Amino acid sequence: MTTNQLLERIEVNPKVLAGKPVIKGTRLSVQSSLACWDKA
């Protein structure tokens, strides 16, 4: 998957999780997602 494809799946919306970057269509923050991958 290219960088652009990954970035298309991320959105920033001030109404969702106080504007933190999230995976589109979810309330899963990019930060928590990456933290899970780091621990795996």
N, C-alpha and C. Protein backbone atom coordinates (compact mmCIF):
# COMPACT_ATOMS: atom_id res chain seq x y z
N MET A 1 0.85 -1.17 0.00
CA MET A 1 0.00 0.00 0.00
C MET A 1 0.90 1.24 0.00
N THR A 2 0.57 2.19 -0.84
CA THR A 2 1.40 3.40 -0.93
C THR A 2 1.04 4.38 0.19
N THR A 3 1.89 5.35 0.39
CA THR A 3 1.65 6.38 1.40
C THR A 3 0.36 7.13 1.13
N ASN A 4 0.12 7.47 -0.14
CA ASN A 4 -1.10 8.20 -0.49
C ASN A 4 -2.35 7.38 -0.18
N GLN A 5 -2.30 6.09 -0.42
CA GLN A 5 -3.45 5.23 -0.12
C GLN A 5 -3.71 5.19 1.39
N LEU A 6 -2.66 5.14 2.16
CA LEU A 6 -2.81 5.15 3.62
C LEU A 6 -3.38 6.48 4.10
N LEU A 7 -2.89 7.58 3.56
CA LEU A 7 -3.36 8.90 3.98
C LEU A 7 -4.81 9.14 3.60
N GLU A 8 -5.29 8.49 2.54
CA GLU A 8 -6.69 8.62 2.15
C GLU A 8 -7.63 8.01 3.18
N ARG A 9 -7.11 7.14 4.03
CA ARG A 9 -7.92 6.46 5.04
C ARG A 9 -7.94 7.21 6.37
N ILE A 10 -7.25 8.32 6.45
CA ILE A 10 -7.16 9.10 7.69
C ILE A 10 -7.93 10.40 7.51
N GLU A 11 -8.68 10.77 8.54
CA GLU A 11 -9.39 12.05 8.49
C GLU A 11 -9.23 12.78 9.82
N VAL A 12 -9.35 14.09 9.77
CA VAL A 12 -9.31 14.93 10.95
C VAL A 12 -10.61 15.72 10.97
N ASN A 13 -11.37 15.51 12.04
CA ASN A 13 -12.66 16.18 12.19
C ASN A 13 -12.74 16.69 13.62
N PRO A 14 -12.89 18.01 13.81
CA PRO A 14 -12.92 18.56 15.16
C PRO A 14 -14.06 17.99 16.02
N LYS A 15 -15.06 17.41 15.40
CA LYS A 15 -16.19 16.84 16.14
C LYS A 15 -15.95 15.40 16.59
N VAL A 16 -14.86 14.81 16.12
CA VAL A 16 -14.54 13.42 16.46
C VAL A 16 -13.22 13.38 17.21
N LEU A 17 -13.25 12.87 18.42
CA LEU A 17 -12.05 12.72 19.27
C LEU A 17 -11.24 14.02 19.37
N ALA A 18 -11.95 15.12 19.50
CA ALA A 18 -11.32 16.43 19.69
C ALA A 18 -10.34 16.79 18.57
N GLY A 19 -10.61 16.30 17.37
CA GLY A 19 -9.78 16.66 16.22
C GLY A 19 -8.55 15.81 16.01
N LYS A 20 -8.40 14.74 16.78
CA LYS A 20 -7.26 13.85 16.56
C LYS A 20 -7.46 13.10 15.24
N PRO A 21 -6.38 12.76 14.54
CA PRO A 21 -6.51 11.99 13.31
C PRO A 21 -7.10 10.61 13.63
N VAL A 22 -8.12 10.21 12.85
CA VAL A 22 -8.77 8.92 13.04
C VAL A 22 -8.85 8.18 11.71
N ILE A 23 -9.09 6.88 11.79
CA ILE A 23 -9.34 6.09 10.61
C ILE A 23 -10.75 6.40 10.15
N LYS A 24 -10.92 6.73 8.88
CA LYS A 24 -12.22 7.15 8.34
C LYS A 24 -13.32 6.17 8.71
N GLY A 25 -14.45 6.74 9.12
CA GLY A 25 -15.62 5.94 9.43
C GLY A 25 -15.60 5.30 10.80
N THR A 26 -14.55 5.61 11.60
CA THR A 26 -14.44 5.03 12.94
C THR A 26 -14.12 6.13 13.95
N ARG A 27 -14.07 5.76 15.19
CA ARG A 27 -13.56 6.65 16.22
C ARG A 27 -12.24 6.08 16.77
N LEU A 28 -11.56 5.35 15.95
CA LEU A 28 -10.28 4.75 16.31
C LEU A 28 -9.17 5.71 15.89
N SER A 29 -8.45 6.22 16.90
CA SER A 29 -7.41 7.19 16.57
C SER A 29 -6.22 6.50 15.92
N VAL A 30 -5.56 7.24 15.07
CA VAL A 30 -4.36 6.73 14.41
C VAL A 30 -3.30 6.44 15.46
N GLN A 31 -3.20 7.27 16.48
CA GLN A 31 -2.22 7.09 17.54
C GLN A 31 -2.42 5.75 18.26
N SER A 32 -3.65 5.44 18.65
CA SER A 32 -3.90 4.18 19.36
C SER A 32 -3.69 2.98 18.44
N SER A 33 -4.04 3.15 17.18
CA SER A 33 -3.85 2.08 16.21
C SER A 33 -2.37 1.76 16.04
N LEU A 34 -1.56 2.79 15.90
CA LEU A 34 -0.12 2.59 15.76
C LEU A 34 0.50 2.02 17.03
N ALA A 35 -0.01 2.41 18.18
CA ALA A 35 0.49 1.88 19.45
C ALA A 35 0.24 0.39 19.54
N CYS A 36 -0.92 -0.06 19.08
CA CYS A 36 -1.23 -1.49 19.07
C CYS A 36 -0.29 -2.25 18.15
N TRP A 37 -0.02 -1.70 16.98
CA TRP A 37 0.90 -2.34 16.05
C TRP A 37 2.31 -2.42 16.61
N ASP A 38 2.70 -1.38 17.35
CA ASP A 38 4.03 -1.33 17.94
C ASP A 38 4.21 -2.44 18.98
N LYS A 39 3.16 -2.73 19.72
CA LYS A 39 3.24 -3.74 20.77
C LYS A 39 3.14 -5.15 20.23
N ALA A 40 2.64 -5.30 19.04
CA ALA A 40 2.44 -6.64 18.47
C ALA A 40 3.74 -7.28 18.04
